[in-house]
Amino acid sequence: MIIVSSGLFGVLEGNKRVSRSILLGNVTQKYESARDKKKKEQALAQKMEEFTTCYEEMNDIFVNQEKRLTDKNMEKLTRLYQNLPEKQQKEVQDNYERTKKDVQYVKDTKIEEACSDLFGDTNPWFASEEEKKEKQQSVTYERYEILLQQATNMQNPTKKETALNYLKSVKEWLDQQQQN
């Protein structure tokens, strides 16, 4: 009995060591997995930071300084973009498209307002006689043609239609003034 119990005790001790070894292995594996995940997150954050910094620098050159971007600038931006994982590339692309639409909407709004102003100058009912003549003299075929070209290229269909209607009225007014 003593031999059997000591044998069982030995088996139990062996099982404890195996269990501790398995438990330690699981803990180590989880730690290494968490460490690897953190390293990947840090690497991704660094790539995103590099890309964002480069993009902002290129934006400053192109938009604020109104200079052309060099091939070297574009190659660097492209390289940084391509280093991003597919998910982040999609996010960048989506943000770019959204920004592009917002910028186009603002441009379309400004063109529509310019067409409205030109139309308003044909009959400035709120102005004195002197101001009225001055505003009407500022309505020219040249201004009309420039705005017509811009309105034709508008992306927002509603704003485009409104702008073209303003310009149609301006053209009629200009033609009538030329006949008088």
C-alpha atoms as a PDB file:
ATOM      1  CA  MET A   1       0.000   0.000   0.000  1.00  0.00           C
ATOM      2  CA  ILE A   2       2.809   2.308   0.853  1.00  0.00           C
ATOM      3  CA  ILE A   3       4.434   1.531  -2.454  1.00  0.00           C
ATOM      4  CA  VAL A   4       1.190   2.178  -4.334  1.00  0.00           C
ATOM      5  CA  SER A   5       0.521   5.415  -2.455  1.00  0.00           C
ATOM      6  CA  SER A   6       4.081   6.614  -3.005  1.00  0.00           C
ATOM      7  CA  GLY A   7       3.690   5.759  -6.690  1.00  0.00           C
ATOM      8  CA  LEU A   8       0.459   7.708  -6.875  1.00  0.00           C
ATOM      9  CA  PHE A   9       2.105  10.555  -4.995  1.00  0.00           C
ATOM     10  CA  GLY A  10       4.913  10.532  -7.546  1.00  0.00           C
ATOM     11  CA  VAL A  11       2.414  10.577 -10.406  1.00  0.00           C
ATOM     12  CA  LEU A  12       0.553  13.471  -8.792  1.00  0.00           C
ATOM     13  CA  GLU A  13       3.792  15.397  -8.309  1.00  0.00           C
ATOM     14  CA  GLY A  14       4.686  14.738 -11.933  1.00  0.00           C
ATOM     15  CA  ASN A  15       1.236  15.956 -13.024  1.00  0.00           C
ATOM     16  CA  LYS A  16       1.718  19.115 -10.955  1.00  0.00           C
ATOM     17  CA  ARG A  17       5.044  19.791 -12.668  1.00  0.00           C
ATOM     18  CA  VAL A  18       3.483  19.159 -16.080  1.00  0.00           C
ATOM     19  CA  SER A  19       0.516  21.405 -15.211  1.00  0.00           C
ATOM     20  CA  ARG A  20       2.847  24.172 -14.007  1.00  0.00           C
ATOM     21  CA  SER A  21       4.892  23.780 -17.157  1.00  0.00           C
ATOM     22  CA  ILE A  22       1.780  24.011 -19.349  1.00  0.00           C
ATOM     23  CA  LEU A  23       0.484  26.978 -17.354  1.00  0.00           C
ATOM     24  CA  LEU A  24       3.860  28.724 -17.564  1.00  0.00           C
ATOM     25  CA  GLY A  25       3.948  28.007 -21.309  1.00  0.00           C
ATOM     26  CA  ASN A  26       0.467  29.522 -21.743  1.00  0.00           C
ATOM     27  CA  VAL A  27       1.417  32.633 -19.768  1.00  0.00           C
ATOM     28  CA  THR A  28       4.650  33.018 -21.743  1.00  0.00           C
ATOM     29  CA  GLN A  29       2.797  32.542 -25.029  1.00  0.00           C
ATOM     30  CA  LYS A  30       0.177  35.149 -24.087  1.00  0.00           C
ATOM     31  CA  TYR A  31       2.899  37.597 -23.005  1.00  0.00           C
ATOM     32  CA  GLU A  32       4.816  37.133 -26.270  1.00  0.00           C
ATOM     33  CA  SER A  33       1.611  37.486 -28.269  1.00  0.00           C
ATOM     34  CA  ALA A  34       0.718  40.730 -26.460  1.00  0.00           C
ATOM     35  CA  ARG A  35       4.285  42.019 -26.916  1.00  0.00           C
ATOM     36  CA  ASP A  36       4.186  41.217 -30.663  1.00  0.00           C
ATOM     37  CA  LYS A  37       0.795  42.876 -31.006  1.00  0.00           C
ATOM     38  CA  LYS A  38       2.070  45.995 -29.241  1.00  0.00           C
ATOM     39  CA  LYS A  39       5.145  46.093 -31.521  1.00  0.00           C
ATOM     40  CA  LYS A  40       2.902  45.818 -34.602  1.00  0.00           C
ATOM     41  CA  GLU A  41       0.639  48.599 -33.298  1.00  0.00           C
ATOM     42  CA  GLN A  42       3.656  50.821 -32.631  1.00  0.00           C
ATOM     43  CA  ALA A  43       5.069  50.119 -36.103  1.00  0.00           C
ATOM     44  CA  LEU A  44       1.684  50.929 -37.669  1.00  0.00           C
ATOM     45  CA  ALA A  45       1.382  54.119 -35.619  1.00  0.00           C
ATOM     46  CA  GLN A  46       4.862  55.152 -36.767  1.00  0.00           C
ATOM     47  CA  LYS A  47       4.010  54.458 -40.430  1.00  0.00           C
ATOM     48  CA  MET A  48       0.767  56.436 -40.121  1.00  0.00           C
ATOM     49  CA  GLU A  49       2.634  59.311 -38.443  1.00  0.00           C
ATOM     50  CA  GLU A  50       5.291  59.367 -41.182  1.00  0.00           C
ATOM     51  CA  PHE A  51       2.642  59.329 -43.907  1.00  0.00           C
ATOM     52  CA  THR A  52       0.513  62.002 -42.211  1.00  0.00           C
ATOM     53  CA  THR A  53       3.515  64.279 -41.676  1.00  0.00           C
ATOM     54  CA  CYS A  54       4.608  63.892 -45.300  1.00  0.00           C
ATOM     55  CA  TYR A  55       1.042  64.441 -46.557  1.00  0.00           C
ATOM     56  CA  GLU A  56       0.695  67.621 -44.488  1.00  0.00           C
ATOM     57  CA  GLU A  57       4.047  68.906 -45.779  1.00  0.00           C
ATOM     58  CA  MET A  58       2.990  68.220 -49.388  1.00  0.00           C
ATOM     59  CA  ASN A  59      -0.376  69.866 -48.749  1.00  0.00           C
ATOM     60  CA  ASP A  60       1.380  72.940 -47.351  1.00  0.00           C
ATOM     61  CA  ILE A  61       3.629  73.152 -50.424  1.00  0.00           C
ATOM     62  CA  PHE A  62       0.791  72.631 -52.905  1.00  0.00           C
ATOM     63  CA  VAL A  63      -2.072  74.524 -51.259  1.00  0.00           C
ATOM     64  CA  ASN A  64      -0.567  77.161 -48.987  1.00  0.00           C
ATOM     65  CA  GLN A  65       2.629  77.961 -50.884  1.00  0.00           C
ATOM     66  CA  GLU A  66       0.930  77.313 -54.253  1.00  0.00           C
ATOM     67  CA  LYS A  67       3.947  75.470 -55.649  1.00  0.00           C
ATOM     68  CA  ARG A  68       4.069  72.333 -57.756  1.00  0.00           C
ATOM     69  CA  LEU A  69       5.125  69.140 -56.039  1.00  0.00           C
ATOM     70  CA  THR A  70       8.340  67.630 -57.349  1.00  0.00           C
ATOM     71  CA  ASP A  71       8.592  64.040 -58.544  1.00  0.00           C
ATOM     72  CA  LYS A  72      10.762  63.355 -55.495  1.00  0.00           C
ATOM     73  CA  ASN A  73       7.993  64.644 -53.185  1.00  0.00           C
ATOM     74  CA  MET A  74       5.392  62.483 -54.906  1.00  0.00           C
ATOM     75  CA  GLU A  75       7.645  59.399 -54.854  1.00  0.00           C
ATOM     76  CA  LYS A  76       8.180  59.805 -51.097  1.00  0.00           C
ATOM     77  CA  LEU A  77       4.446  60.232 -50.449  1.00  0.00           C
ATOM     78  CA  THR A  78       3.634  57.226 -52.666  1.00  0.00           C
ATOM     79  CA  ARG A  79       6.261  55.073 -50.954  1.00  0.00           C
ATOM     80  CA  LEU A  80       4.923  55.950 -47.490  1.00  0.00           C
ATOM     81  CA  TYR A  81       1.353  55.290 -48.667  1.00  0.00           C
ATOM     82  CA  GLN A  82       2.322  51.895 -50.078  1.00  0.00           C
ATOM     83  CA  ASN A  83       4.019  50.971 -46.773  1.00  0.00           C
ATOM     84  CA  LEU A  84       0.663  51.273 -45.019  1.00  0.00           C
ATOM     85  CA  PRO A  85      -1.453  48.144 -44.565  1.00  0.00           C
ATOM     86  CA  GLU A  86      -4.441  47.800 -46.898  1.00  0.00           C
ATOM     87  CA  LYS A  87      -6.945  48.846 -44.213  1.00  0.00           C
ATOM     88  CA  GLN A  88      -5.117  52.123 -43.545  1.00  0.00           C
ATOM     89  CA  GLN A  89      -4.683  52.750 -47.284  1.00  0.00           C
ATOM     90  CA  LYS A  90      -8.459  52.459 -47.631  1.00  0.00           C
ATOM     91  CA  GLU A  91      -8.984  54.900 -44.719  1.00  0.00           C
ATOM     92  CA  VAL A  92      -6.583  57.393 -46.308  1.00  0.00           C
ATOM     93  CA  GLN A  93      -8.315  57.005 -49.677  1.00  0.00           C
ATOM     94  CA  ASP A  94     -11.771  57.446 -48.114  1.00  0.00           C
ATOM     95  CA  ASN A  95     -10.633  60.587 -46.261  1.00  0.00           C
ATOM     96  CA  TYR A  96      -9.104  61.943 -49.467  1.00  0.00           C
ATOM     97  CA  GLU A  97     -12.311  61.333 -51.429  1.00  0.00           C
ATOM     98  CA  ARG A  98     -14.421  62.931 -48.689  1.00  0.00           C
ATOM     99  CA  THR A  99     -12.133  65.973 -48.563  1.00  0.00           C
ATOM    100  CA  LYS A 100     -12.146  66.219 -52.352  1.00  0.00           C
ATOM    101  CA  LYS A 101     -15.961  66.252 -52.371  1.00  0.00           C
ATOM    102  CA  ASP A 102     -16.036  68.895 -49.632  1.00  0.00           C
ATOM    103  CA  VAL A 103     -13.562  71.090 -51.519  1.00  0.00           C
ATOM    104  CA  GLN A 104     -15.543  70.668 -54.757  1.00  0.00           C
ATOM    105  CA  TYR A 105     -18.768  71.597 -52.958  1.00  0.00           C
ATOM    106  CA  VAL A 106     -17.152  74.784 -51.647  1.00  0.00           C
ATOM    107  CA  LYS A 107     -15.851  75.620 -55.151  1.00  0.00           C
ATOM    108  CA  ASP A 108     -19.291  75.000 -56.665  1.00  0.00           C
ATOM    109  CA  THR A 109     -20.885  77.202 -54.004  1.00  0.00           C
ATOM    110  CA  LYS A 110     -18.464  80.047 -54.740  1.00  0.00           C
ATOM    111  CA  ILE A 111     -19.134  79.825 -58.481  1.00  0.00           C
ATOM    112  CA  GLU A 112     -22.889  79.763 -57.864  1.00  0.00           C
ATOM    113  CA  GLU A 113     -22.565  82.839 -55.635  1.00  0.00           C
ATOM    114  CA  ALA A 114     -20.459  84.626 -58.273  1.00  0.00           C
ATOM    115  CA  CYS A 115     -23.158  83.907 -60.885  1.00  0.00           C
ATOM    116  CA  SER A 116     -25.804  85.204 -58.495  1.00  0.00           C
ATOM    117  CA  ASP A 117     -23.762  88.354 -57.863  1.00  0.00           C
ATOM    118  CA  LEU A 118     -23.328  88.931 -61.588  1.00  0.00           C
ATOM    119  CA  PHE A 119     -27.066  88.505 -62.072  1.00  0.00           C
ATOM    120  CA  GLY A 120     -27.701  90.873 -59.145  1.00  0.00           C
ATOM    121  CA  ASP A 121     -25.478  93.482 -60.776  1.00  0.00           C
ATOM    122  CA  THR A 122     -27.783  93.578 -63.818  1.00  0.00           C
ATOM    123  CA  ASN A 123     -30.534  95.106 -61.696  1.00  0.00           C
ATOM    124  CA  PRO A 124     -29.226  96.334 -58.351  1.00  0.00           C
ATOM    125  CA  TRP A 125     -32.618  97.518 -57.039  1.00  0.00           C
ATOM    126  CA  PHE A 126     -31.119  98.441 -53.650  1.00  0.00           C
ATOM    127  CA  ALA A 127     -28.488 100.837 -55.038  1.00  0.00           C
ATOM    128  CA  SER A 128     -28.566 104.529 -55.814  1.00  0.00           C
ATOM    129  CA  GLU A 129     -28.670 105.567 -59.483  1.00  0.00           C
ATOM    130  CA  GLU A 130     -24.914 106.121 -59.536  1.00  0.00           C
ATOM    131  CA  GLU A 131     -24.171 102.763 -57.895  1.00  0.00           C
ATOM    132  CA  LYS A 132     -26.696 101.107 -60.195  1.00  0.00           C
ATOM    133  CA  LYS A 133     -24.876 102.393 -63.311  1.00  0.00           C
ATOM    134  CA  GLU A 134     -21.519 101.361 -61.865  1.00  0.00           C
ATOM    135  CA  LYS A 135     -22.710  97.832 -61.086  1.00  0.00           C
ATOM    136  CA  GLN A 136     -24.389  97.451 -64.470  1.00  0.00           C
ATOM    137  CA  GLN A 137     -21.205  98.566 -66.229  1.00  0.00           C
ATOM    138  CA  SER A 138     -19.297  95.839 -64.408  1.00  0.00           C
ATOM    139  CA  VAL A 139     -21.503  93.227 -66.109  1.00  0.00           C
ATOM    140  CA  THR A 140     -19.532  92.306 -69.218  1.00  0.00           C
ATOM    141  CA  TYR A 141     -19.424  89.490 -71.736  1.00  0.00           C
ATOM    142  CA  GLU A 142     -15.933  88.720 -70.445  1.00  0.00           C
ATOM    143  CA  ARG A 143     -17.181  88.145 -66.875  1.00  0.00           C
ATOM    144  CA  TYR A 144     -20.110  86.188 -68.270  1.00  0.00           C
ATOM    145  CA  GLU A 145     -17.839  83.924 -70.377  1.00  0.00           C
ATOM    146  CA  ILE A 146     -15.467  83.228 -67.478  1.00  0.00           C
ATOM    147  CA  LEU A 147     -18.325  82.283 -65.162  1.00  0.00           C
ATOM    148  CA  LEU A 148     -20.030  80.239 -67.892  1.00  0.00           C
ATOM    149  CA  GLN A 149     -16.888  78.153 -68.306  1.00  0.00           C
ATOM    150  CA  GLN A 150     -16.601  77.653 -64.531  1.00  0.00           C
ATOM    151  CA  ALA A 151     -20.314  76.849 -64.139  1.00  0.00           C
ATOM    152  CA  THR A 152     -20.158  74.293 -66.928  1.00  0.00           C
ATOM    153  CA  ASN A 153     -17.479  72.403 -64.978  1.00  0.00           C
ATOM    154  CA  MET A 154     -19.400  72.346 -61.682  1.00  0.00           C
ATOM    155  CA  GLN A 155     -19.947  68.905 -60.122  1.00  0.00           C
ATOM    156  CA  ASN A 156     -23.051  69.525 -58.014  1.00  0.00           C
ATOM    157  CA  PRO A 157     -26.005  69.268 -60.436  1.00  0.00           C
ATOM    158  CA  THR A 158     -28.351  71.497 -58.415  1.00  0.00           C
ATOM    159  CA  LYS A 159     -25.797  74.267 -58.009  1.00  0.00           C
ATOM    160  CA  LYS A 160     -24.815  73.913 -61.666  1.00  0.00           C
ATOM    161  CA  GLU A 161     -28.409  74.308 -62.829  1.00  0.00           C
ATOM    162  CA  THR A 162     -28.934  77.353 -60.608  1.00  0.00           C
ATOM    163  CA  ALA A 163     -25.698  78.980 -61.792  1.00  0.00           C
ATOM    164  CA  LEU A 164     -26.514  78.345 -65.452  1.00  0.00           C
ATOM    165  CA  ASN A 165     -29.998  79.832 -64.980  1.00  0.00           C
ATOM    166  CA  TYR A 166     -28.446  82.991 -63.505  1.00  0.00           C
ATOM    167  CA  LEU A 167     -26.064  83.161 -66.455  1.00  0.00           C
ATOM    168  CA  LYS A 168     -28.856  82.638 -68.971  1.00  0.00           C
ATOM    169  CA  SER A 169     -30.593  85.713 -67.545  1.00  0.00           C
ATOM    170  CA  VAL A 170     -27.309  87.662 -67.588  1.00  0.00           C
ATOM    171  CA  LYS A 171     -26.753  86.729 -71.254  1.00  0.00           C
ATOM    172  CA  GLU A 172     -30.253  87.912 -72.154  1.00  0.00           C
ATOM    173  CA  TRP A 173     -29.623  91.162 -70.289  1.00  0.00           C
ATOM    174  CA  LEU A 174     -26.249  91.659 -72.028  1.00  0.00           C
ATOM    175  CA  ASP A 175     -27.789  90.999 -75.454  1.00  0.00           C
ATOM    176  CA  GLN A 176     -30.592  93.462 -74.718  1.00  0.00           C
ATOM    177  CA  GLN A 177     -28.079  96.119 -73.578  1.00  0.00           C
ATOM    178  CA  GLN A 178     -26.098  95.634 -76.762  1.00  0.00           C
ATOM    179  CA  GLN A 179     -29.238  96.225 -78.881  1.00  0.00           C
ATOM    180  CA  ASN A 180     -30.009  99.497 -77.064  1.00  0.00           C
END
